[in-house]
Amino acid sequence: MTVYDANQATSAEDAEKVVPRAEFRVFGQGILDIVKPAMWKSQATLFKVRQSGETYILSRHTNEANVKIRDGLLDIKIKVGETDNGYEIFQPRGKFQFPVKKDELATILENLKAKVELIQDSYSFDEFIDLLKTTNDVVSVAVHKERYGFTVDGVICEYGKIQFNGAMIETTCVESEDYGAMEQVIEKLEISGFENINYLKAAKRVVGMEL
């Protein structure tokens, strides 16, 4: 299993069994000029290149729920903690195929702290997007990702170019269950001095929606 897990629907129960990795991620301009030379000096192994178009659902009330739509699946992860180093840990809560059932959608919206009345038994993709337009609690953002996965000392990393509603920004991240190994790789990639910021916060900054 790589950082680019297969896209398939999973129940909330199955998602609970996934061992979450901690993540250290940075965003900015000129990030790749630092990371690319550093990764090759660290004898990195490139293993995956991927482009994807996604829709992130940003809440005005929380940064704890990472909700996105990718490849026709509604995906949710919930922040469950941080390491002593401040690396964030998000636990998968499931990937749901459209149409999404009312009770599953209610739980997702509750995690987003969005007050929306659900009157149907299930919602298609278009119906879900229309539903979001009935509340000011959340905003949908179009996200395009061009990502390059690699490893350093066996630790999963990536760098990429991200567009939030068309605005380009660069990113790189390190993620693992081994926090000590993460710290060493972060130093090798020369990004330890940058702010650790997740996708939600980065997207909110770009679209002017910070908490």
N, C-alpha and C. Protein backbone atom coordinates (compact mmCIF):
# COMPACT_ATOMS: atom_id res chain seq x y z
N MET A 1 0.85 -1.20 0.00
CA MET A 1 0.00 0.00 0.00
C MET A 1 0.89 1.24 0.00
N THR A 2 0.61 2.17 -0.88
CA THR A 2 1.38 3.39 -0.96
C THR A 2 0.56 4.55 -0.45
N VAL A 3 1.18 5.75 -0.52
CA VAL A 3 0.46 6.96 -0.12
C VAL A 3 -0.76 7.18 -1.00
N TYR A 4 -0.74 6.63 -2.22
CA TYR A 4 -1.88 6.74 -3.13
C TYR A 4 -2.69 5.46 -3.05
N ASP A 5 -3.50 5.34 -2.00
CA ASP A 5 -4.30 4.15 -1.80
C ASP A 5 -5.34 4.02 -2.90
N ALA A 6 -5.75 2.79 -3.16
CA ALA A 6 -6.77 2.56 -4.18
C ALA A 6 -8.05 3.27 -3.78
N ASN A 7 -8.69 3.89 -4.77
CA ASN A 7 -9.94 4.58 -4.51
C ASN A 7 -11.09 3.59 -4.58
N GLN A 8 -11.64 3.26 -3.42
CA GLN A 8 -12.78 2.38 -3.36
C GLN A 8 -13.60 2.73 -2.12
N ALA A 9 -14.89 2.48 -2.21
CA ALA A 9 -15.76 2.80 -1.09
C ALA A 9 -15.41 1.93 0.11
N THR A 10 -15.41 2.54 1.29
CA THR A 10 -15.18 1.81 2.53
C THR A 10 -16.18 2.29 3.56
N SER A 11 -16.55 1.39 4.44
CA SER A 11 -17.48 1.77 5.50
C SER A 11 -16.73 2.51 6.60
N ALA A 12 -17.49 3.19 7.46
CA ALA A 12 -16.89 3.87 8.60
C ALA A 12 -16.19 2.85 9.51
N GLU A 13 -16.80 1.64 9.63
CA GLU A 13 -16.21 0.61 10.48
C GLU A 13 -14.86 0.14 9.94
N ASP A 14 -14.78 -0.06 8.61
CA ASP A 14 -13.51 -0.49 8.01
C ASP A 14 -12.47 0.61 8.12
N ALA A 15 -12.90 1.85 7.95
CA ALA A 15 -11.96 2.98 8.02
C ALA A 15 -11.34 3.09 9.40
N GLU A 16 -12.10 2.74 10.43
CA GLU A 16 -11.59 2.81 11.80
C GLU A 16 -10.40 1.88 12.01
N LYS A 17 -10.30 0.83 11.18
CA LYS A 17 -9.23 -0.16 11.34
C LYS A 17 -7.92 0.30 10.71
N VAL A 18 -7.96 1.36 9.91
CA VAL A 18 -6.76 1.86 9.25
C VAL A 18 -5.86 2.55 10.28
N VAL A 19 -4.61 2.16 10.32
CA VAL A 19 -3.66 2.80 11.22
C VAL A 19 -3.26 4.14 10.61
N PRO A 20 -3.60 5.25 11.26
CA PRO A 20 -3.32 6.55 10.66
C PRO A 20 -1.85 6.93 10.75
N ARG A 21 -1.37 7.59 9.69
CA ARG A 21 -0.01 8.13 9.70
C ARG A 21 -0.06 9.58 10.15
N ALA A 22 0.99 10.00 10.84
CA ALA A 22 1.14 11.43 11.13
C ALA A 22 1.69 12.10 9.88
N GLU A 23 1.40 13.40 9.73
CA GLU A 23 1.85 14.11 8.54
C GLU A 23 2.44 15.46 8.90
N PHE A 24 3.54 15.79 8.22
CA PHE A 24 4.13 17.13 8.26
C PHE A 24 4.08 17.64 6.84
N ARG A 25 3.34 18.74 6.61
CA ARG A 25 3.17 19.26 5.25
C ARG A 25 3.42 20.75 5.23
N VAL A 26 4.05 21.22 4.16
CA VAL A 26 4.29 22.65 4.00
C VAL A 26 3.77 23.10 2.63
N PHE A 27 3.35 24.36 2.58
CA PHE A 27 2.90 24.98 1.35
C PHE A 27 3.64 26.29 1.14
N GLY A 28 3.83 26.68 -0.12
CA GLY A 28 4.45 27.97 -0.41
C GLY A 28 4.94 28.04 -1.83
N GLN A 29 5.64 29.11 -2.14
CA GLN A 29 6.28 29.28 -3.44
C GLN A 29 7.78 29.04 -3.27
N GLY A 30 8.38 28.36 -4.24
CA GLY A 30 9.81 28.05 -4.15
C GLY A 30 10.13 26.82 -3.33
N ILE A 31 9.10 26.11 -2.84
CA ILE A 31 9.31 24.91 -2.04
C ILE A 31 10.06 23.84 -2.84
N LEU A 32 9.69 23.67 -4.10
CA LEU A 32 10.29 22.60 -4.90
C LEU A 32 11.75 22.87 -5.21
N ASP A 33 12.14 24.15 -5.27
CA ASP A 33 13.55 24.48 -5.50
C ASP A 33 14.42 24.02 -4.34
N ILE A 34 13.82 23.89 -3.16
CA ILE A 34 14.54 23.39 -1.98
C ILE A 34 14.48 21.87 -1.91
N VAL A 35 13.29 21.34 -2.12
CA VAL A 35 13.06 19.91 -1.88
C VAL A 35 13.70 19.01 -2.93
N LYS A 36 13.61 19.38 -4.20
CA LYS A 36 14.12 18.50 -5.25
C LYS A 36 15.61 18.20 -5.11
N PRO A 37 16.48 19.21 -4.94
CA PRO A 37 17.90 18.89 -4.74
C PRO A 37 18.13 18.08 -3.47
N ALA A 38 17.38 18.43 -2.40
CA ALA A 38 17.57 17.75 -1.12
C ALA A 38 17.15 16.28 -1.20
N MET A 39 16.08 16.00 -1.93
CA MET A 39 15.62 14.62 -2.00
C MET A 39 16.62 13.74 -2.74
N TRP A 40 17.23 14.28 -3.78
CA TRP A 40 18.20 13.47 -4.51
C TRP A 40 19.49 13.30 -3.73
N LYS A 41 19.87 14.32 -2.96
CA LYS A 41 21.04 14.17 -2.07
C LYS A 41 20.76 13.10 -1.02
N SER A 42 19.49 12.92 -0.70
CA SER A 42 19.10 11.93 0.31
C SER A 42 18.81 10.56 -0.30
N GLN A 43 19.13 10.41 -1.59
CA GLN A 43 18.94 9.14 -2.31
C GLN A 43 17.48 8.70 -2.29
N ALA A 44 16.60 9.63 -2.63
CA ALA A 44 15.17 9.35 -2.67
C ALA A 44 14.84 8.38 -3.79
N THR A 45 13.76 7.65 -3.60
CA THR A 45 13.24 6.74 -4.61
C THR A 45 11.86 7.23 -5.04
N LEU A 46 11.71 7.66 -6.29
CA LEU A 46 10.44 8.13 -6.81
C LEU A 46 9.59 6.92 -7.19
N PHE A 47 8.34 6.85 -6.69
CA PHE A 47 7.54 5.66 -6.98
C PHE A 47 6.17 5.95 -7.59
N LYS A 48 5.72 7.19 -7.61
CA LYS A 48 4.38 7.43 -8.14
C LYS A 48 4.23 8.86 -8.60
N VAL A 49 3.60 9.03 -9.75
CA VAL A 49 3.23 10.35 -10.26
C VAL A 49 1.73 10.31 -10.51
N ARG A 50 1.03 11.34 -10.04
CA ARG A 50 -0.41 11.31 -10.19
C ARG A 50 -0.98 12.72 -10.30
N GLN A 51 -2.00 12.85 -11.15
CA GLN A 51 -2.78 14.08 -11.23
C GLN A 51 -4.22 13.75 -10.89
N SER A 52 -4.88 14.65 -10.19
CA SER A 52 -6.27 14.41 -9.83
C SER A 52 -7.01 15.72 -9.69
N GLY A 53 -8.29 15.67 -9.99
CA GLY A 53 -9.19 16.80 -9.75
C GLY A 53 -10.10 16.45 -8.60
N GLU A 54 -10.17 17.30 -7.59
CA GLU A 54 -10.93 17.00 -6.39
C GLU A 54 -11.75 18.21 -5.97
N THR A 55 -12.71 17.98 -5.10
CA THR A 55 -13.49 19.06 -4.50
C THR A 55 -13.37 18.94 -2.99
N TYR A 56 -12.82 19.97 -2.35
CA TYR A 56 -12.73 20.00 -0.89
C TYR A 56 -13.92 20.76 -0.33
N ILE A 57 -14.45 20.29 0.79
CA ILE A 57 -15.55 20.96 1.48
C ILE A 57 -14.97 21.60 2.73
N LEU A 58 -14.87 22.92 2.75
CA LEU A 58 -14.26 23.65 3.85
C LEU A 58 -15.33 24.18 4.80
N SER A 59 -15.13 23.95 6.08
CA SER A 59 -16.06 24.44 7.09
C SER A 59 -15.59 25.76 7.68
N ARG A 60 -16.53 26.65 7.93
CA ARG A 60 -16.20 27.92 8.59
C ARG A 60 -15.99 27.75 10.09
N HIS A 61 -16.28 26.54 10.60
CA HIS A 61 -16.31 26.35 12.05
C HIS A 61 -15.28 25.36 12.59
N THR A 62 -14.58 24.65 11.71
CA THR A 62 -13.63 23.66 12.19
C THR A 62 -12.57 23.35 11.15
N ASN A 63 -11.38 22.97 11.64
CA ASN A 63 -10.31 22.44 10.78
C ASN A 63 -10.03 20.98 11.13
N GLU A 64 -10.99 20.35 11.80
CA GLU A 64 -10.78 18.99 12.27
C GLU A 64 -11.33 17.94 11.31
N ALA A 65 -12.15 18.35 10.35
CA ALA A 65 -12.79 17.40 9.43
C ALA A 65 -12.30 17.65 8.01
N ASN A 66 -11.57 16.69 7.45
CA ASN A 66 -11.08 16.77 6.08
C ASN A 66 -12.06 16.00 5.19
N VAL A 67 -12.89 16.74 4.46
CA VAL A 67 -13.91 16.14 3.60
C VAL A 67 -13.65 16.55 2.16
N LYS A 68 -13.57 15.56 1.28
CA LYS A 68 -13.32 15.85 -0.13
C LYS A 68 -14.04 14.84 -1.01
N ILE A 69 -14.19 15.20 -2.26
CA ILE A 69 -14.76 14.31 -3.26
C ILE A 69 -13.69 14.05 -4.31
N ARG A 70 -13.40 12.78 -4.54
CA ARG A 70 -12.39 12.40 -5.54
C ARG A 70 -12.82 11.09 -6.19
N ASP A 71 -12.75 11.06 -7.51
CA ASP A 71 -13.11 9.86 -8.26
C ASP A 71 -14.50 9.36 -7.89
N GLY A 72 -15.42 10.29 -7.67
CA GLY A 72 -16.80 9.92 -7.40
C GLY A 72 -17.08 9.43 -5.99
N LEU A 73 -16.10 9.54 -5.08
CA LEU A 73 -16.28 9.10 -3.71
C LEU A 73 -16.21 10.28 -2.75
N LEU A 74 -17.09 10.27 -1.75
CA LEU A 74 -17.07 11.27 -0.70
C LEU A 74 -16.22 10.71 0.43
N ASP A 75 -15.09 11.36 0.67
CA ASP A 75 -14.04 10.86 1.57
C ASP A 75 -13.96 11.76 2.79
N ILE A 76 -13.94 11.17 3.99
CA ILE A 76 -13.80 11.96 5.20
C ILE A 76 -12.72 11.39 6.11
N LYS A 77 -11.90 12.29 6.64
CA LYS A 77 -10.91 11.97 7.67
C LYS A 77 -11.08 12.98 8.80
N ILE A 78 -10.88 12.53 10.03
CA ILE A 78 -11.06 13.38 11.19
C ILE A 78 -9.73 13.48 11.96
N LYS A 79 -9.37 14.69 12.35
CA LYS A 79 -8.15 14.86 13.13
C LYS A 79 -8.36 14.27 14.51
N VAL A 80 -7.45 13.35 14.89
CA VAL A 80 -7.58 12.66 16.16
C VAL A 80 -6.46 13.00 17.13
N GLY A 81 -5.50 13.82 16.68
CA GLY A 81 -4.44 14.20 17.59
C GLY A 81 -3.21 14.73 16.88
N GLU A 82 -2.19 15.00 17.67
CA GLU A 82 -0.89 15.45 17.17
C GLU A 82 0.21 14.73 17.93
N THR A 83 1.35 14.57 17.30
CA THR A 83 2.51 14.01 17.99
C THR A 83 3.14 15.10 18.84
N ASP A 84 4.12 14.73 19.65
CA ASP A 84 4.83 15.71 20.47
C ASP A 84 5.54 16.74 19.61
N ASN A 85 5.84 16.37 18.35
CA ASN A 85 6.51 17.29 17.41
C ASN A 85 5.53 18.22 16.73
N GLY A 86 4.23 17.99 16.95
CA GLY A 86 3.23 18.82 16.29
C GLY A 86 2.78 18.27 14.94
N TYR A 87 3.17 17.02 14.61
CA TYR A 87 2.70 16.41 13.38
C TYR A 87 1.24 16.00 13.57
N GLU A 88 0.40 16.29 12.58
CA GLU A 88 -1.02 16.03 12.71
C GLU A 88 -1.38 14.59 12.33
N ILE A 89 -2.38 14.05 13.02
CA ILE A 89 -2.85 12.69 12.76
C ILE A 89 -4.33 12.74 12.41
N PHE A 90 -4.67 12.34 11.18
CA PHE A 90 -6.05 12.28 10.72
C PHE A 90 -6.45 10.81 10.54
N GLN A 91 -7.57 10.42 11.13
CA GLN A 91 -8.06 9.04 11.03
C GLN A 91 -9.13 8.95 9.94
N PRO A 92 -8.98 8.03 8.98
CA PRO A 92 -10.04 7.84 7.98
C PRO A 92 -11.36 7.45 8.64
N ARG A 93 -12.45 8.00 8.11
CA ARG A 93 -13.79 7.68 8.60
C ARG A 93 -14.67 7.07 7.51
N GLY A 94 -14.10 6.83 6.35
CA GLY A 94 -14.83 6.15 5.30
C GLY A 94 -14.82 6.88 3.98
N LYS A 95 -15.02 6.11 2.90
CA LYS A 95 -15.22 6.64 1.55
C LYS A 95 -16.57 6.13 1.07
N PHE A 96 -17.43 7.04 0.68
CA PHE A 96 -18.81 6.68 0.39
C PHE A 96 -19.16 6.98 -1.06
N GLN A 97 -19.75 6.00 -1.72
CA GLN A 97 -20.18 6.17 -3.10
C GLN A 97 -21.48 6.95 -3.15
N PHE A 98 -21.60 7.77 -4.19
CA PHE A 98 -22.88 8.43 -4.44
C PHE A 98 -23.84 7.46 -5.13
N PRO A 99 -25.12 7.50 -4.80
CA PRO A 99 -25.74 8.39 -3.82
C PRO A 99 -25.38 8.00 -2.38
N VAL A 100 -25.09 9.02 -1.55
CA VAL A 100 -24.72 8.79 -0.16
C VAL A 100 -25.97 8.78 0.70
N LYS A 101 -26.05 7.79 1.61
CA LYS A 101 -27.23 7.65 2.45
C LYS A 101 -27.36 8.83 3.42
N LYS A 102 -28.59 9.10 3.79
CA LYS A 102 -28.91 10.24 4.65
C LYS A 102 -28.15 10.19 5.97
N ASP A 103 -28.11 9.01 6.63
CA ASP A 103 -27.46 8.93 7.94
C ASP A 103 -25.95 9.13 7.84
N GLU A 104 -25.35 8.61 6.75
CA GLU A 104 -23.91 8.82 6.55
C GLU A 104 -23.62 10.28 6.28
N LEU A 105 -24.44 10.91 5.48
CA LEU A 105 -24.25 12.32 5.17
C LEU A 105 -24.47 13.18 6.41
N ALA A 106 -25.41 12.80 7.24
CA ALA A 106 -25.68 13.55 8.47
C ALA A 106 -24.45 13.55 9.38
N THR A 107 -23.77 12.40 9.46
CA THR A 107 -22.57 12.32 10.30
C THR A 107 -21.45 13.18 9.73
N ILE A 108 -21.29 13.18 8.42
CA ILE A 108 -20.26 13.99 7.77
C ILE A 108 -20.53 15.47 8.01
N LEU A 109 -21.76 15.89 7.83
CA LEU A 109 -22.11 17.30 8.03
C LEU A 109 -21.97 17.70 9.49
N GLU A 110 -22.25 16.78 10.39
CA GLU A 110 -22.07 17.05 11.83
C GLU A 110 -20.60 17.30 12.13
N ASN A 111 -19.72 16.50 11.53
CA ASN A 111 -18.28 16.70 11.73
C ASN A 111 -17.81 18.03 11.15
N LEU A 112 -18.46 18.48 10.08
CA LEU A 112 -18.15 19.78 9.49
C LEU A 112 -18.80 20.93 10.26
N LYS A 113 -19.63 20.58 11.24
CA LYS A 113 -20.38 21.56 12.03
C LYS A 113 -21.25 22.43 11.13
N ALA A 114 -21.85 21.77 10.15
CA ALA A 114 -22.72 22.45 9.19
C ALA A 114 -24.17 22.08 9.48
N LYS A 115 -25.01 23.08 9.62
CA LYS A 115 -26.42 22.87 9.89
C LYS A 115 -27.19 22.86 8.56
N VAL A 116 -27.56 21.66 8.15
CA VAL A 116 -28.28 21.48 6.88
C VAL A 116 -29.42 20.50 7.11
N GLU A 117 -30.59 20.82 6.61
CA GLU A 117 -31.73 19.92 6.75
C GLU A 117 -31.70 18.88 5.65
N LEU A 118 -31.72 17.62 6.05
CA LEU A 118 -31.70 16.51 5.10
C LEU A 118 -33.10 15.94 5.01
N ILE A 119 -33.70 16.03 3.83
CA ILE A 119 -35.08 15.58 3.66
C ILE A 119 -35.19 14.36 2.76
N GLN A 120 -34.08 13.99 2.11
CA GLN A 120 -34.09 12.82 1.23
C GLN A 120 -33.41 11.64 1.91
N ASP A 121 -33.71 10.43 1.44
CA ASP A 121 -33.08 9.23 1.99
C ASP A 121 -31.64 9.09 1.53
N SER A 122 -31.30 9.67 0.37
CA SER A 122 -29.94 9.64 -0.14
C SER A 122 -29.74 10.82 -1.08
N TYR A 123 -28.45 11.11 -1.38
CA TYR A 123 -28.14 12.27 -2.21
C TYR A 123 -27.09 11.91 -3.26
N SER A 124 -27.39 12.26 -4.50
CA SER A 124 -26.43 12.09 -5.58
C SER A 124 -25.36 13.18 -5.46
N PHE A 125 -24.34 13.10 -6.30
CA PHE A 125 -23.28 14.12 -6.28
C PHE A 125 -23.86 15.51 -6.51
N ASP A 126 -24.65 15.66 -7.56
CA ASP A 126 -25.22 16.98 -7.88
C ASP A 126 -26.14 17.47 -6.78
N GLU A 127 -26.92 16.55 -6.20
CA GLU A 127 -27.82 16.94 -5.11
C GLU A 127 -27.03 17.37 -3.88
N PHE A 128 -25.91 16.70 -3.62
CA PHE A 128 -25.06 17.07 -2.49
C PHE A 128 -24.47 18.46 -2.69
N ILE A 129 -23.96 18.75 -3.88
CA ILE A 129 -23.39 20.07 -4.16
C ILE A 129 -24.48 21.15 -4.04
N ASP A 130 -25.67 20.87 -4.54
CA ASP A 130 -26.78 21.82 -4.40
C ASP A 130 -27.14 22.03 -2.93
N LEU A 131 -27.06 20.95 -2.15
CA LEU A 131 -27.37 21.02 -0.72
C LEU A 131 -26.41 21.97 0.00
N LEU A 132 -25.14 21.92 -0.39
CA LEU A 132 -24.14 22.78 0.26
C LEU A 132 -24.42 24.26 0.02
N LYS A 133 -25.09 24.55 -1.09
CA LYS A 133 -25.38 25.94 -1.42
C LYS A 133 -26.48 26.54 -0.54
N THR A 134 -27.12 25.68 0.25
CA THR A 134 -28.20 26.17 1.12
C THR A 134 -27.69 26.62 2.48
N THR A 135 -26.40 26.50 2.73
CA THR A 135 -25.84 26.90 4.02
C THR A 135 -24.60 27.77 3.82
N ASN A 136 -24.36 28.66 4.77
CA ASN A 136 -23.14 29.47 4.77
C ASN A 136 -22.05 28.83 5.61
N ASP A 137 -22.31 27.65 6.17
CA ASP A 137 -21.35 27.00 7.06
C ASP A 137 -20.17 26.39 6.32
N VAL A 138 -20.36 26.05 5.04
CA VAL A 138 -19.31 25.38 4.28
C VAL A 138 -19.16 26.01 2.90
N VAL A 139 -17.98 25.81 2.32
CA VAL A 139 -17.68 26.28 0.97
C VAL A 139 -16.96 25.16 0.23
N SER A 140 -17.31 24.92 -1.02
CA SER A 140 -16.62 23.92 -1.82
C SER A 140 -15.52 24.61 -2.64
N VAL A 141 -14.38 23.97 -2.73
CA VAL A 141 -13.22 24.51 -3.44
C VAL A 141 -12.72 23.47 -4.44
N ALA A 142 -12.53 23.89 -5.69
CA ALA A 142 -11.98 23.00 -6.71
C ALA A 142 -10.47 22.90 -6.52
N VAL A 143 -9.98 21.69 -6.44
CA VAL A 143 -8.55 21.46 -6.18
C VAL A 143 -7.98 20.54 -7.27
N HIS A 144 -6.92 20.99 -7.91
CA HIS A 144 -6.20 20.14 -8.87
C HIS A 144 -4.83 19.84 -8.29
N LYS A 145 -4.48 18.55 -8.29
CA LYS A 145 -3.21 18.13 -7.70
C LYS A 145 -2.32 17.44 -8.74
N GLU A 146 -1.07 17.85 -8.77
CA GLU A 146 -0.03 17.16 -9.55
C GLU A 146 1.01 16.72 -8.54
N ARG A 147 1.02 15.42 -8.21
CA ARG A 147 1.81 14.94 -7.08
C ARG A 147 2.85 13.90 -7.50
N TYR A 148 3.96 13.93 -6.82
CA TYR A 148 5.08 13.01 -7.07
C TYR A 148 5.43 12.34 -5.74
N GLY A 149 5.13 11.05 -5.63
CA GLY A 149 5.43 10.33 -4.41
C GLY A 149 6.84 9.78 -4.43
N PHE A 150 7.51 9.84 -3.31
CA PHE A 150 8.86 9.29 -3.20
C PHE A 150 9.11 8.86 -1.76
N THR A 151 10.18 8.11 -1.55
CA THR A 151 10.56 7.70 -0.20
C THR A 151 11.99 8.12 0.08
N VAL A 152 12.25 8.44 1.33
CA VAL A 152 13.60 8.69 1.82
C VAL A 152 13.78 7.83 3.07
N ASP A 153 14.75 6.95 3.05
CA ASP A 153 14.98 6.03 4.18
C ASP A 153 13.71 5.24 4.52
N GLY A 154 12.93 4.90 3.50
CA GLY A 154 11.73 4.12 3.71
C GLY A 154 10.53 4.91 4.18
N VAL A 155 10.67 6.22 4.36
CA VAL A 155 9.57 7.08 4.81
C VAL A 155 8.87 7.69 3.60
N ILE A 156 7.55 7.62 3.59
CA ILE A 156 6.76 8.13 2.47
C ILE A 156 6.76 9.66 2.46
N CYS A 157 7.00 10.22 1.27
CA CYS A 157 7.01 11.66 1.08
C CYS A 157 6.32 11.98 -0.25
N GLU A 158 6.06 13.25 -0.47
CA GLU A 158 5.61 13.68 -1.79
C GLU A 158 5.91 15.16 -1.97
N TYR A 159 6.00 15.56 -3.22
CA TYR A 159 6.00 16.99 -3.53
C TYR A 159 5.01 17.19 -4.66
N GLY A 160 4.54 18.42 -4.82
CA GLY A 160 3.55 18.62 -5.85
C GLY A 160 3.20 20.07 -6.09
N LYS A 161 2.43 20.28 -7.15
CA LYS A 161 1.87 21.58 -7.48
C LYS A 161 0.36 21.48 -7.33
N ILE A 162 -0.20 22.38 -6.54
CA ILE A 162 -1.61 22.33 -6.19
C ILE A 162 -2.29 23.61 -6.65
N GLN A 163 -3.50 23.47 -7.17
CA GLN A 163 -4.30 24.63 -7.52
C GLN A 163 -5.58 24.64 -6.68
N PHE A 164 -5.80 25.73 -5.96
CA PHE A 164 -7.04 25.95 -5.23
C PHE A 164 -7.85 26.98 -6.01
N ASN A 165 -8.95 26.56 -6.60
CA ASN A 165 -9.74 27.45 -7.46
C ASN A 165 -8.87 28.16 -8.49
N GLY A 166 -7.88 27.43 -9.01
CA GLY A 166 -7.01 27.95 -10.06
C GLY A 166 -5.75 28.63 -9.58
N ALA A 167 -5.64 28.92 -8.29
CA ALA A 167 -4.45 29.56 -7.73
C ALA A 167 -3.39 28.51 -7.42
N MET A 168 -2.20 28.65 -8.03
CA MET A 168 -1.15 27.65 -7.91
C MET A 168 -0.30 27.87 -6.65
N ILE A 169 0.03 26.76 -5.96
CA ILE A 169 0.92 26.79 -4.82
C ILE A 169 1.66 25.45 -4.79
N GLU A 170 2.87 25.45 -4.23
CA GLU A 170 3.67 24.22 -4.16
C GLU A 170 3.56 23.61 -2.76
N THR A 171 3.78 22.31 -2.70
CA THR A 171 3.68 21.62 -1.42
C THR A 171 4.66 20.46 -1.36
N THR A 172 5.00 20.07 -0.14
CA THR A 172 5.70 18.80 0.07
C THR A 172 5.30 18.28 1.44
N CYS A 173 5.37 16.96 1.61
CA CYS A 173 5.00 16.40 2.91
C CYS A 173 5.81 15.15 3.21
N VAL A 174 5.83 14.82 4.49
CA VAL A 174 6.45 13.61 5.00
C VAL A 174 5.42 12.97 5.92
N GLU A 175 5.20 11.65 5.79
CA GLU A 175 4.20 11.01 6.64
C GLU A 175 4.62 9.60 7.00
N SER A 176 4.32 9.21 8.24
CA SER A 176 4.72 7.89 8.72
C SER A 176 4.12 7.63 10.10
N GLU A 177 4.12 6.37 10.49
CA GLU A 177 3.78 6.01 11.87
C GLU A 177 5.01 6.12 12.76
N ASP A 178 6.19 6.25 12.15
CA ASP A 178 7.46 6.35 12.88
C ASP A 178 7.84 7.83 12.97
N TYR A 179 7.51 8.48 14.09
CA TYR A 179 7.68 9.92 14.20
C TYR A 179 9.15 10.33 14.26
N GLY A 180 9.98 9.48 14.83
CA GLY A 180 11.40 9.78 14.88
C GLY A 180 12.02 9.77 13.49
N ALA A 181 11.65 8.78 12.69
CA ALA A 181 12.14 8.70 11.31
C ALA A 181 11.63 9.89 10.50
N MET A 182 10.39 10.29 10.75
CA MET A 182 9.84 11.47 10.08
C MET A 182 10.71 12.69 10.32
N GLU A 183 11.06 12.90 11.58
CA GLU A 183 11.83 14.08 11.95
C GLU A 183 13.17 14.12 11.21
N GLN A 184 13.82 12.96 11.09
CA GLN A 184 15.10 12.89 10.39
C GLN A 184 14.94 13.21 8.91
N VAL A 185 13.87 12.70 8.29
CA VAL A 185 13.65 12.94 6.87
C VAL A 185 13.28 14.41 6.62
N ILE A 186 12.51 14.99 7.50
CA ILE A 186 12.16 16.41 7.38
C ILE A 186 13.42 17.27 7.38
N GLU A 187 14.37 16.92 8.22
CA GLU A 187 15.64 17.64 8.27
C GLU A 187 16.41 17.44 6.96
N LYS A 188 16.42 16.21 6.45
CA LYS A 188 17.14 15.93 5.21
C LYS A 188 16.54 16.69 4.03
N LEU A 189 15.23 16.90 4.03
CA LEU A 189 14.58 17.61 2.94
C LEU A 189 14.65 19.13 3.12
N GLU A 190 15.23 19.56 4.24
CA GLU A 190 15.49 20.98 4.51
C GLU A 190 14.20 21.80 4.60
N ILE A 191 13.16 21.19 5.20
CA ILE A 191 11.88 21.90 5.33
C ILE A 191 11.47 22.07 6.79
N SER A 192 12.35 21.76 7.73
CA SER A 192 11.97 21.80 9.14
C SER A 192 11.63 23.21 9.61
N GLY A 193 12.16 24.22 8.92
CA GLY A 193 11.91 25.59 9.33
C GLY A 193 10.61 26.17 8.82
N PHE A 194 9.88 25.39 8.00
CA PHE A 194 8.62 25.88 7.45
C PHE A 194 7.45 25.53 8.38
N GLU A 195 6.37 26.29 8.24
CA GLU A 195 5.17 26.03 9.02
C GLU A 195 4.51 24.73 8.56
N ASN A 196 4.11 23.91 9.52
CA ASN A 196 3.36 22.70 9.23
C ASN A 196 1.90 23.08 9.04
N ILE A 197 1.37 22.88 7.82
CA ILE A 197 0.01 23.32 7.51
C ILE A 197 -0.67 22.29 6.62
N ASN A 198 -1.89 21.91 6.96
CA ASN A 198 -2.58 20.89 6.19
C ASN A 198 -3.35 21.49 5.02
N TYR A 199 -3.96 20.61 4.22
CA TYR A 199 -4.69 21.04 3.02
C TYR A 199 -5.82 22.01 3.37
N LEU A 200 -6.54 21.72 4.44
CA LEU A 200 -7.68 22.55 4.81
C LEU A 200 -7.26 23.99 5.07
N LYS A 201 -6.23 24.15 5.90
CA LYS A 201 -5.78 25.49 6.25
C LYS A 201 -5.18 26.21 5.05
N ALA A 202 -4.45 25.47 4.20
CA ALA A 202 -3.85 26.09 3.02
C ALA A 202 -4.94 26.57 2.07
N ALA A 203 -5.95 25.74 1.84
CA ALA A 203 -7.04 26.11 0.96
C ALA A 203 -7.79 27.33 1.50
N LYS A 204 -8.00 27.37 2.81
CA LYS A 204 -8.71 28.50 3.40
C LYS A 204 -7.94 29.79 3.25
N ARG A 205 -6.63 29.71 3.38
CA ARG A 205 -5.81 30.92 3.19
C ARG A 205 -5.91 31.43 1.77
N VAL A 206 -5.88 30.51 0.84
CA VAL A 206 -5.92 30.92 -0.57
C VAL A 206 -7.26 31.56 -0.93
N VAL A 207 -8.36 31.02 -0.40
CA VAL A 207 -9.68 31.54 -0.76
C VAL A 207 -10.20 32.56 0.24
N GLY A 208 -9.36 32.92 1.24
CA GLY A 208 -9.75 33.95 2.19
C GLY A 208 -10.80 33.51 3.19
N MET A 209 -10.60 32.30 3.75
CA MET A 209 -11.60 31.73 4.66
C MET A 209 -10.96 31.16 5.92
N GLU A 210 -9.95 31.78 6.47
CA GLU A 210 -9.30 31.25 7.67
C GLU A 210 -10.20 31.39 8.88
N LEU A 211 -10.08 30.40 9.81
CA LEU A 211 -10.83 30.49 11.07
C LEU A 211 -10.25 31.60 11.91
